[in-house]
PDB file of N, CA and C in Angstrom:
ATOM      1  N   MET A   1      68.590  80.575  92.212  1.00  0.00           N
ATOM      2  CA  MET A   1      69.759  81.368  92.485  1.00  0.00           C
ATOM      3  C   MET A   1      70.994  80.563  92.085  1.00  0.00           C
ATOM      4  N   THR A   2      71.926  81.217  91.447  1.00  0.00           N
ATOM      5  CA  THR A   2      73.157  80.548  91.047  1.00  0.00           C
ATOM      6  C   THR A   2      74.274  80.893  92.023  1.00  0.00           C
ATOM      7  N   THR A   3      75.266  80.042  92.049  1.00  0.00           N
ATOM      8  CA  THR A   3      76.416  80.237  92.913  1.00  0.00           C
ATOM      9  C   THR A   3      77.653  80.392  92.050  1.00  0.00           C
ATOM     10  N   LEU A   4      78.473  81.372  92.382  1.00  0.00           N
ATOM     11  CA  LEU A   4      79.711  81.582  91.663  1.00  0.00           C
ATOM     12  C   LEU A   4      80.736  80.577  92.144  1.00  0.00           C
ATOM     13  N   ALA A   5      81.284  79.805  91.231  1.00  0.00           N
ATOM     14  CA  ALA A   5      82.339  78.866  91.568  1.00  0.00           C
ATOM     15  C   ALA A   5      83.588  79.272  90.798  1.00  0.00           C
ATOM     16  N   LEU A   6      84.654  79.485  91.529  1.00  0.00           N
ATOM     17  CA  LEU A   6      85.896  79.875  90.888  1.00  0.00           C
ATOM     18  C   LEU A   6      86.582  78.648  90.302  1.00  0.00           C
ATOM     19  N   GLU A   7      86.926  78.725  89.029  1.00  0.00           N
ATOM     20  CA  GLU A   7      87.612  77.607  88.394  1.00  0.00           C
ATOM     21  C   GLU A   7      89.076  77.571  88.804  1.00  0.00           C
ATOM     22  N   ILE A   8      89.659  78.749  88.950  1.00  0.00           N
ATOM     23  CA  ILE A   8      91.049  78.861  89.367  1.00  0.00           C
ATOM     24  C   ILE A   8      91.098  79.812  90.552  1.00  0.00           C
ATOM     25  N   GLU A   9      91.739  79.366  91.621  1.00  0.00           N
ATOM     26  CA  GLU A   9      91.834  80.233  92.798  1.00  0.00           C
ATOM     27  C   GLU A   9      92.683  81.453  92.456  1.00  0.00           C
ATOM     28  N   PRO A  10      92.158  82.656  92.717  1.00  0.00           N
ATOM     29  CA  PRO A  10      92.920  83.863  92.411  1.00  0.00           C
ATOM     30  C   PRO A  10      94.126  84.001  93.334  1.00  0.00           C
ATOM     31  N   THR A  11      95.244  84.396  92.769  1.00  0.00           N
ATOM     32  CA  THR A  11      96.444  84.574  93.572  1.00  0.00           C
ATOM     33  C   THR A  11      97.088  85.924  93.284  1.00  0.00           C
ATOM     34  N   ALA A  12      97.653  86.502  94.312  1.00  0.00           N
ATOM     35  CA  ALA A  12      98.318  87.797  94.207  1.00  0.00           C
ATOM     36  C   ALA A  12      99.773  87.597  93.820  1.00  0.00           C
ATOM     37  N   VAL A  13     100.295  88.556  93.056  1.00  0.00           N
ATOM     38  CA  VAL A  13     101.713  88.529  92.712  1.00  0.00           C
ATOM     39  C   VAL A  13     102.429  89.801  93.164  1.00  0.00           C
ATOM     40  N   LYS A  14     101.652  90.856  93.416  1.00  0.00           N
ATOM     41  CA  LYS A  14     102.253  92.131  93.829  1.00  0.00           C
ATOM     42  C   LYS A  14     101.248  92.897  94.682  1.00  0.00           C
ATOM     43  N   VAL A  15     101.765  93.591  95.686  1.00  0.00           N
ATOM     44  CA  VAL A  15     100.932  94.398  96.576  1.00  0.00           C
ATOM     45  C   VAL A  15     101.534  95.799  96.658  1.00  0.00           C
ATOM     46  N   THR A  16     100.674  96.801  96.535  1.00  0.00           N
ATOM     47  CA  THR A  16     101.097  98.187  96.688  1.00  0.00           C
ATOM     48  C   THR A  16     100.124  98.858  97.646  1.00  0.00           C
ATOM     49  N   VAL A  17     100.668  99.541  98.641  1.00  0.00           N
ATOM     50  CA  VAL A  17      99.823 100.251  99.591  1.00  0.00           C
ATOM     51  C   VAL A  17     100.194 101.728  99.533  1.00  0.00           C
ATOM     52  N   THR A  18      99.197 102.557  99.252  1.00  0.00           N
ATOM     53  CA  THR A  18      99.398 104.003  99.233  1.00  0.00           C
ATOM     54  C   THR A  18      98.747 104.600 100.484  1.00  0.00           C
ATOM     55  N   GLU A  19      98.712 105.909 100.561  1.00  0.00           N
ATOM     56  CA  GLU A  19      98.068 106.567 101.708  1.00  0.00           C
ATOM     57  C   GLU A  19      96.572 106.280 101.753  1.00  0.00           C
ATOM     58  N   ASP A  20      95.978 105.977 100.584  1.00  0.00           N
ATOM     59  CA  ASP A  20      94.525 105.820 100.502  1.00  0.00           C
ATOM     60  C   ASP A  20      94.034 104.444 100.078  1.00  0.00           C
ATOM     61  N   ASN A  21      94.877 103.689  99.365  1.00  0.00           N
ATOM     62  CA  ASN A  21      94.403 102.445  98.746  1.00  0.00           C
ATOM     63  C   ASN A  21      95.326 101.262  98.953  1.00  0.00           C
ATOM     64  N   LEU A  22      94.721 100.088  98.865  1.00  0.00           N
ATOM     65  CA  LEU A  22      95.440  98.823  98.789  1.00  0.00           C
ATOM     66  C   LEU A  22      95.236  98.330  97.365  1.00  0.00           C
ATOM     67  N   MET A  23      96.339  98.107  96.647  1.00  0.00           N
ATOM     68  CA  MET A  23      96.267  97.620  95.271  1.00  0.00           C
ATOM     69  C   MET A  23      96.937  96.260  95.202  1.00  0.00           C
ATOM     70  N   VAL A  24      96.257  95.314  94.589  1.00  0.00           N
ATOM     71  CA  VAL A  24      96.783  93.959  94.492  1.00  0.00           C
ATOM     72  C   VAL A  24      96.729  93.524  93.034  1.00  0.00           C
ATOM     73  N   ASP A  25      97.888  93.172  92.493  1.00  0.00           N
ATOM     74  CA  ASP A  25      97.965  92.635  91.139  1.00  0.00           C
ATOM     75  C   ASP A  25      97.839  91.125  91.229  1.00  0.00           C
ATOM     76  N   LEU A  26      96.950  90.567  90.417  1.00  0.00           N
ATOM     77  CA  LEU A  26      96.707  89.129  90.414  1.00  0.00           C
ATOM     78  C   LEU A  26      97.496  88.438  89.314  1.00  0.00           C
ATOM     79  N   ALA A  27      97.711  87.152  89.494  1.00  0.00           N
ATOM     80  CA  ALA A  27      98.464  86.361  88.523  1.00  0.00           C
ATOM     81  C   ALA A  27      97.804  86.352  87.154  1.00  0.00           C
ATOM     82  N   ASP A  28      96.475  86.532  87.102  1.00  0.00           N
ATOM     83  CA  ASP A  28      95.769  86.498  85.818  1.00  0.00           C
ATOM     84  C   ASP A  28      95.727  87.852  85.116  1.00  0.00           C
ATOM     85  N   GLY A  29      96.413  88.852  85.688  1.00  0.00           N
ATOM     86  CA  GLY A  29      96.494  90.159  85.046  1.00  0.00           C
ATOM     87  C   GLY A  29      95.548  91.218  85.588  1.00  0.00           C
ATOM     88  N   ARG A  30      94.605  90.840  86.428  1.00  0.00           N
ATOM     89  CA  ARG A  30      93.694  91.831  87.013  1.00  0.00           C
ATOM     90  C   ARG A  30      94.369  92.580  88.145  1.00  0.00           C
ATOM     91  N   ARG A  31      93.837  93.757  88.437  1.00  0.00           N
ATOM     92  CA  ARG A  31      94.294  94.554  89.575  1.00  0.00           C
ATOM     93  C   ARG A  31      93.061  94.912  90.406  1.00  0.00           C
ATOM     94  N   ILE A  32      93.163  94.672  91.698  1.00  0.00           N
ATOM     95  CA  ILE A  32      92.102  95.018  92.640  1.00  0.00           C
ATOM     96  C   ILE A  32      92.574  96.260  93.390  1.00  0.00           C
ATOM     97  N   ILE A  33      91.709  97.254  93.487  1.00  0.00           N
ATOM     98  CA  ILE A  33      92.024  98.451  94.264  1.00  0.00           C
ATOM     99  C   ILE A  33      90.877  98.678  95.241  1.00  0.00           C
ATOM    100  N   VAL A  34      91.216  98.723  96.532  1.00  0.00           N
ATOM    101  CA  VAL A  34      90.206  98.973  97.561  1.00  0.00           C
ATOM    102  C   VAL A  34      90.712 100.068  98.486  1.00  0.00           C
ATOM    103  N   PRO A  35      89.792 100.823  99.088  1.00  0.00           N
ATOM    104  CA  PRO A  35      90.214 101.886 100.014  1.00  0.00           C
ATOM    105  C   PRO A  35      90.771 101.307 101.320  1.00  0.00           C
ATOM    106  N   LEU A  36      91.763 101.975 101.874  1.00  0.00           N
ATOM    107  CA  LEU A  36      92.319 101.534 103.157  1.00  0.00           C
ATOM    108  C   LEU A  36      91.261 101.550 104.250  1.00  0.00           C
ATOM    109  N   ALA A  37      90.236 102.362 104.074  1.00  0.00           N
ATOM    110  CA  ALA A  37      89.153 102.415 105.065  1.00  0.00           C
ATOM    111  C   ALA A  37      88.533 101.032 105.288  1.00  0.00           C
ATOM    112  N   TRP A  38      88.672 100.146 104.311  1.00  0.00           N
ATOM    113  CA  TRP A  38      88.161  98.787 104.476  1.00  0.00           C
ATOM    114  C   TRP A  38      88.959  98.009 105.512  1.00  0.00           C
ATOM    115  N   TYR A  39      90.186  98.410 105.743  1.00  0.00           N
ATOM    116  CA  TYR A  39      91.087  97.707 106.652  1.00  0.00           C
ATOM    117  C   TYR A  39      91.701  98.716 107.623  1.00  0.00           C
ATOM    118  N   PRO A  40      91.014  99.001 108.724  1.00  0.00           N
ATOM    119  CA  PRO A  40      91.449 100.047 109.657  1.00  0.00           C
ATOM    120  C   PRO A  40      92.886  99.901 110.155  1.00  0.00           C
ATOM    121  N   ARG A  41      93.360  98.692 110.331  1.00  0.00           N
ATOM    122  CA  ARG A  41      94.740  98.547 110.807  1.00  0.00           C
ATOM    123  C   ARG A  41      95.718  99.121 109.781  1.00  0.00           C
ATOM    124  N   LEU A  42      95.417  98.973 108.517  1.00  0.00           N
ATOM    125  CA  LEU A  42      96.265  99.572 107.486  1.00  0.00           C
ATOM    126  C   LEU A  42      96.151 101.088 107.513  1.00  0.00           C
ATOM    127  N   MET A  43      94.958 101.592 107.784  1.00  0.00           N
ATOM    128  CA  MET A  43      94.767 103.043 107.863  1.00  0.00           C
ATOM    129  C   MET A  43      95.619 103.658 108.975  1.00  0.00           C
ATOM    130  N   TYR A  44      95.702 102.979 110.117  1.00  0.00           N
ATOM    131  CA  TYR A  44      96.439 103.505 111.262  1.00  0.00           C
ATOM    132  C   TYR A  44      97.925 103.165 111.214  1.00  0.00           C
ATOM    133  N   ALA A  45      98.345 102.398 110.241  1.00  0.00           N
ATOM    134  CA  ALA A  45      99.737 101.966 110.141  1.00  0.00           C
ATOM    135  C   ALA A  45     100.647 103.070 109.628  1.00  0.00           C
ATOM    136  N   THR A  46     101.912 102.929 109.955  1.00  0.00           N
ATOM    137  CA  THR A  46     102.917 103.818 109.377  1.00  0.00           C
ATOM    138  C   THR A  46     103.212 103.343 107.957  1.00  0.00           C
ATOM    139  N   ALA A  47     103.864 104.198 107.193  1.00  0.00           N
ATOM    140  CA  ALA A  47     104.244 103.821 105.822  1.00  0.00           C
ATOM    141  C   ALA A  47     105.129 102.574 105.845  1.00  0.00           C
ATOM    142  N   ALA A  48     106.050 102.508 106.779  1.00  0.00           N
ATOM    143  CA  ALA A  48     106.939 101.345 106.874  1.00  0.00           C
ATOM    144  C   ALA A  48     106.160 100.070 107.184  1.00  0.00           C
ATOM    145  N   GLU A  49     105.182 100.146 108.076  1.00  0.00           N
ATOM    146  CA  GLU A  49     104.371  98.970 108.417  1.00  0.00           C
ATOM    147  C   GLU A  49     103.540  98.520 107.224  1.00  0.00           C
ATOM    148  N   ARG A  50     103.049  99.474 106.448  1.00  0.00           N
ATOM    149  CA  ARG A  50     102.258  99.133 105.254  1.00  0.00           C
ATOM    150  C   ARG A  50     103.103  98.446 104.194  1.00  0.00           C
ATOM    151  N   GLN A  51     104.380  98.786 104.152  1.00  0.00           N
ATOM    152  CA  GLN A  51     105.257  98.200 103.143  1.00  0.00           C
ATOM    153  C   GLN A  51     105.816  96.843 103.561  1.00  0.00           C
ATOM    154  N   ASN A  52     105.659  96.497 104.820  1.00  0.00           N
ATOM    155  CA  ASN A  52     106.135  95.206 105.315  1.00  0.00           C
ATOM    156  C   ASN A  52     105.015  94.176 105.176  1.00  0.00           C
ATOM    157  N   TRP A  53     104.931  93.593 104.006  1.00  0.00           N
ATOM    158  CA  TRP A  53     103.908  92.589 103.718  1.00  0.00           C
ATOM    159  C   TRP A  53     104.577  91.372 103.096  1.00  0.00           C
ATOM    160  N   GLN A  54     103.873  90.269 103.136  1.00  0.00           N
ATOM    161  CA  GLN A  54     104.327  89.066 102.445  1.00  0.00           C
ATOM    162  C   GLN A  54     103.120  88.293 101.962  1.00  0.00           C
ATOM    163  N   LEU A  55     103.320  87.582 100.866  1.00  0.00           N
ATOM    164  CA  LEU A  55     102.249  86.734 100.338  1.00  0.00           C
ATOM    165  C   LEU A  55     102.305  85.388 101.038  1.00  0.00           C
ATOM    166  N   LEU A  56     101.155  84.867 101.373  1.00  0.00           N
ATOM    167  CA  LEU A  56     101.067  83.557 102.009  1.00  0.00           C
ATOM    168  C   LEU A  56     100.804  82.494 100.950  1.00  0.00           C
ATOM    169  N   GLY A  57     101.410  81.343 101.138  1.00  0.00           N
ATOM    170  CA  GLY A  57     101.229  80.251 100.182  1.00  0.00           C
ATOM    171  C   GLY A  57     101.645  80.681  98.793  1.00  0.00           C
ATOM    172  N   ASP A  58     100.816  80.383  97.834  1.00  0.00           N
ATOM    173  CA  ASP A  58     101.079  80.775  96.448  1.00  0.00           C
ATOM    174  C   ASP A  58     100.490  82.135  96.126  1.00  0.00           C
ATOM    175  N   GLY A  59     100.149  82.907  97.166  1.00  0.00           N
ATOM    176  CA  GLY A  59      99.566  84.227  96.961  1.00  0.00           C
ATOM    177  C   GLY A  59      98.079  84.266  97.243  1.00  0.00           C
ATOM    178  N   TYR A  60      97.583  83.316  98.018  1.00  0.00           N
ATOM    179  CA  TYR A  60      96.151  83.276  98.328  1.00  0.00           C
ATOM    180  C   TYR A  60      95.748  84.348  99.345  1.00  0.00           C
ATOM    181  N   ALA A  61      96.754  84.920 100.065  1.00  0.00           N
ATOM    182  CA  ALA A  61      96.470  85.950 101.070  1.00  0.00           C
ATOM    183  C   ALA A  61      97.700  86.833 101.257  1.00  0.00           C
ATOM    184  N   ILE A  62      97.458  88.002 101.844  1.00  0.00           N
ATOM    185  CA  ILE A  62      98.523  88.949 102.165  1.00  0.00           C
ATOM    186  C   ILE A  62      98.604  89.040 103.679  1.00  0.00           C
ATOM    187  N   GLU A  63      99.811  88.992 104.193  1.00  0.00           N
ATOM    188  CA  GLU A  63     100.028  89.143 105.625  1.00  0.00           C
ATOM    189  C   GLU A  63     100.836  90.413 105.862  1.00  0.00           C
ATOM    190  N   PHE A  64     100.386  91.204 106.823  1.00  0.00           N
ATOM    191  CA  PHE A  64     101.113  92.369 107.306  1.00  0.00           C
ATOM    192  C   PHE A  64     101.532  92.032 108.736  1.00  0.00           C
ATOM    193  N   PRO A  65     102.724  91.428 108.911  1.00  0.00           N
ATOM    194  CA  PRO A  65     103.108  90.910 110.234  1.00  0.00           C
ATOM    195  C   PRO A  65     103.186  91.967 111.334  1.00  0.00           C
ATOM    196  N   ASP A  66     103.583  93.188 111.001  1.00  0.00           N
ATOM    197  CA  ASP A  66     103.672  94.236 112.024  1.00  0.00           C
ATOM    198  C   ASP A  66     102.302  94.630 112.556  1.00  0.00           C
ATOM    199  N   LEU A  67     101.262  94.342 111.781  1.00  0.00           N
ATOM    200  CA  LEU A  67      99.909  94.775 112.120  1.00  0.00           C
ATOM    201  C   LEU A  67      99.000  93.619 112.538  1.00  0.00           C
ATOM    202  N   ASP A  68      99.504  92.396 112.446  1.00  0.00           N
ATOM    203  CA  ASP A  68      98.693  91.202 112.684  1.00  0.00           C
ATOM    204  C   ASP A  68      97.440  91.235 111.803  1.00  0.00           C
ATOM    205  N   GLU A  69      97.650  91.560 110.529  1.00  0.00           N
ATOM    206  CA  GLU A  69      96.554  91.674 109.559  1.00  0.00           C
ATOM    207  C   GLU A  69      96.778  90.668 108.440  1.00  0.00           C
ATOM    208  N   HIS A  70      95.720  89.917 108.114  1.00  0.00           N
ATOM    209  CA  HIS A  70      95.759  88.943 107.035  1.00  0.00           C
ATOM    210  C   HIS A  70      94.558  89.210 106.133  1.00  0.00           C
ATOM    211  N   ILE A  71      94.813  89.379 104.848  1.00  0.00           N
ATOM    212  CA  ILE A  71      93.749  89.702 103.909  1.00  0.00           C
ATOM    213  C   ILE A  71      93.736  88.653 102.807  1.00  0.00           C
ATOM    214  N   GLY A  72      92.628  87.923 102.703  1.00  0.00           N
ATOM    215  CA  GLY A  72      92.483  86.898 101.679  1.00  0.00           C
ATOM    216  C   GLY A  72      92.115  87.506 100.328  1.00  0.00           C
ATOM    217  N   ILE A  73      92.677  86.960  99.273  1.00  0.00           N
ATOM    218  CA  ILE A  73      92.419  87.470  97.927  1.00  0.00           C
ATOM    219  C   ILE A  73      90.975  87.211  97.506  1.00  0.00           C
ATOM    220  N   GLU A  74      90.443  86.062  97.830  1.00  0.00           N
ATOM    221  CA  GLU A  74      89.037  85.791  97.496  1.00  0.00           C
ATOM    222  C   GLU A  74      88.119  86.799  98.173  1.00  0.00           C
ATOM    223  N   GLY A  75      88.425  87.156  99.412  1.00  0.00           N
ATOM    224  CA  GLY A  75      87.629  88.151 100.128  1.00  0.00           C
ATOM    225  C   GLY A  75      87.684  89.512  99.458  1.00  0.00           C
ATOM    226  N   LEU A  76      88.878  89.897  98.988  1.00  0.00           N
ATOM    227  CA  LEU A  76      89.001  91.157  98.256  1.00  0.00           C
ATOM    228  C   LEU A  76      88.119  91.148  97.013  1.00  0.00           C
ATOM    229  N   LEU A  77      88.185  90.054  96.268  1.00  0.00           N
ATOM    230  CA  LEU A  77      87.373  89.949  95.049  1.00  0.00           C
ATOM    231  C   LEU A  77      85.883  89.967  95.352  1.00  0.00           C
ATOM    232  N   ALA A  78      85.512  89.443  96.502  1.00  0.00           N
ATOM    233  CA  ALA A  78      84.105  89.409  96.895  1.00  0.00           C
ATOM    234  C   ALA A  78      83.639  90.733  97.503  1.00  0.00           C
ATOM    235  N   GLY A  79      84.580  91.658  97.720  1.00  0.00           N
ATOM    236  CA  GLY A  79      84.222  92.951  98.289  1.00  0.00           C
ATOM    237  C   GLY A  79      84.057  92.943  99.789  1.00  0.00           C
ATOM    238  N   ARG A  80      84.704  91.985 100.460  1.00  0.00           N
ATOM    239  CA  ARG A  80      84.591  91.904 101.920  1.00  0.00           C
ATOM    240  C   ARG A  80      85.544  92.877 102.596  1.00  0.00           C
ATOM    241  N   HIS A  81      85.009  93.639 103.530  1.00  0.00           N
ATOM    242  CA  HIS A  81      85.814  94.545 104.350  1.00  0.00           C
ATOM    243  C   HIS A  81      86.385  93.753 105.516  1.00  0.00           C
ATOM    244  N   SER A  82      87.217  94.394 106.307  1.00  0.00           N
ATOM    245  CA  SER A  82      87.748  93.763 107.506  1.00  0.00           C
ATOM    246  C   SER A  82      86.590  93.303 108.389  1.00  0.00           C
ATOM    247  N   GLY A  83      86.733  92.139 108.966  1.00  0.00           N
ATOM    248  CA  GLY A  83      85.697  91.628 109.860  1.00  0.00           C
ATOM    249  C   GLY A  83      85.964  91.967 111.312  1.00  0.00           C
ATOM    250  N   GLU A  84      86.982  92.786 111.559  1.00  0.00           N
ATOM    251  CA  GLU A  84      87.342  93.116 112.934  1.00  0.00           C
ATOM    252  C   GLU A  84      86.285  94.002 113.581  1.00  0.00           C
ATOM    253  N   SER A  85      85.943  93.669 114.802  1.00  0.00           N
ATOM    254  CA  SER A  85      84.957  94.463 115.527  1.00  0.00           C
ATOM    255  C   SER A  85      85.582  95.774 116.001  1.00  0.00           C
ATOM    256  N   GLN A  86      84.735  96.738 116.281  1.00  0.00           N
ATOM    257  CA  GLN A  86      85.211  98.032 116.791  1.00  0.00           C
ATOM    258  C   GLN A  86      85.930  97.843 118.120  1.00  0.00           C
ATOM    259  N   LYS A  87      85.410  96.959 118.947  1.00  0.00           N
ATOM    260  CA  LYS A  87      86.021  96.693 120.254  1.00  0.00           C
ATOM    261  C   LYS A  87      87.433  96.134 120.088  1.00  0.00           C
ATOM    262  N   SER A  88      87.608  95.200 119.164  1.00  0.00           N
ATOM    263  CA  SER A  88      88.917  94.621 118.907  1.00  0.00           C
ATOM    264  C   SER A  88      89.884  95.669 118.366  1.00  0.00           C
ATOM    265  N   LEU A  89      89.405  96.509 117.451  1.00  0.00           N
ATOM    266  CA  LEU A  89      90.245  97.564 116.887  1.00  0.00           C
ATOM    267  C   LEU A  89      90.684  98.536 117.982  1.00  0.00           C
ATOM    268  N   GLU A  90      89.761  98.933 118.843  1.00  0.00           N
ATOM    269  CA  GLU A  90      90.103  99.853 119.931  1.00  0.00           C
ATOM    270  C   GLU A  90      91.145  99.242 120.872  1.00  0.00           C
ATOM    271  N   LYS A  91      91.017  97.968 121.154  1.00  0.00           N
ATOM    272  CA  LYS A  91      91.990  97.273 122.000  1.00  0.00           C
ATOM    273  C   LYS A  91      93.363  97.273 121.315  1.00  0.00           C
ATOM    274  N   TRP A  92      93.396  97.001 120.023  1.00  0.00           N
ATOM    275  CA  TRP A  92      94.643  97.003 119.258  1.00  0.00           C
ATOM    276  C   TRP A  92      95.267  98.397 119.251  1.00  0.00           C
ATOM    277  N   LEU A  93      94.450  99.426 119.021  1.00  0.00           N
ATOM    278  CA  LEU A  93      94.956 100.803 119.010  1.00  0.00           C
ATOM    279  C   LEU A  93      95.534 101.198 120.366  1.00  0.00           C
ATOM    280  N   LYS A  94      94.861 100.784 121.435  1.00  0.00           N
ATOM    281  CA  LYS A  94      95.326 101.097 122.793  1.00  0.00           C
ATOM    282  C   LYS A  94      96.675 100.435 123.053  1.00  0.00           C
ATOM    283  N   ALA A  95      96.802  99.162 122.683  1.00  0.00           N
ATOM    284  CA  ALA A  95      98.064  98.436 122.865  1.00  0.00           C
ATOM    285  C   ALA A  95      99.167  99.048 122.018  1.00  0.00           C
ATOM    286  N   ARG A  96      98.806  99.497 120.839  1.00  0.00           N
ATOM    287  CA  ARG A  96      99.761 100.121 119.919  1.00  0.00           C
ATOM    288  C   ARG A  96     100.282 101.444 120.506  1.00  0.00           C
ATOM    289  N   LYS A  97      99.372 102.230 121.060  1.00  0.00           N
ATOM    290  CA  LYS A  97      99.744 103.510 121.656  1.00  0.00           C
ATOM    291  C   LYS A  97     100.676 103.286 122.849  1.00  0.00           C
ATOM    292  N   LYS A  98     100.326 102.301 123.670  1.00  0.00           N
ATOM    293  CA  LYS A  98     101.130 101.979 124.851  1.00  0.00           C
ATOM    294  C   LYS A  98     102.536 101.533 124.438  1.00  0.00           C
ATOM    295  N   LYS A  99     102.622 100.736 123.389  1.00  0.00           N
ATOM    296  CA  LYS A  99     103.899 100.222 122.887  1.00  0.00           C
ATOM    297  C   LYS A  99     104.784 101.361 122.374  1.00  0.00           C
ATOM    298  N   ASN A 100     104.181 102.365 121.755  1.00  0.00           N
ATOM    299  CA  ASN A 100     104.932 103.459 121.153  1.00  0.00           C
ATOM    300  C   ASN A 100     105.279 104.567 122.147  1.00  0.00           C
ATOM    301  N   ASN A 101     104.800 104.476 123.369  1.00  0.00           N
ATOM    302  CA  ASN A 101     105.119 105.502 124.388  1.00  0.00           C
ATOM    303  C   ASN A 101     106.249 105.070 125.279  1.00  0.00           C
TER     304      ASN A 101
END
């Protein structure tokens, strides 16, 4: 079995979030598009919360501070979905609902 070794760490330069997808443009010219369903906090976010993002470091990850969501670029390339448990998501949703009432 062979192991994939990245010669250059992939970095993001631009992030676009639509109603259905997260799109990330990489420094090497590639674009990654994944469904928001992979990241439930983004699915439940408002448009304003989805647009409030920042790149961490040199673009190795995306942070959505309003949502306490961090998405690594290597994970996106590897096809990893959110690792958040259903219990954690439900707790977050409950706190979010309470905050907005």
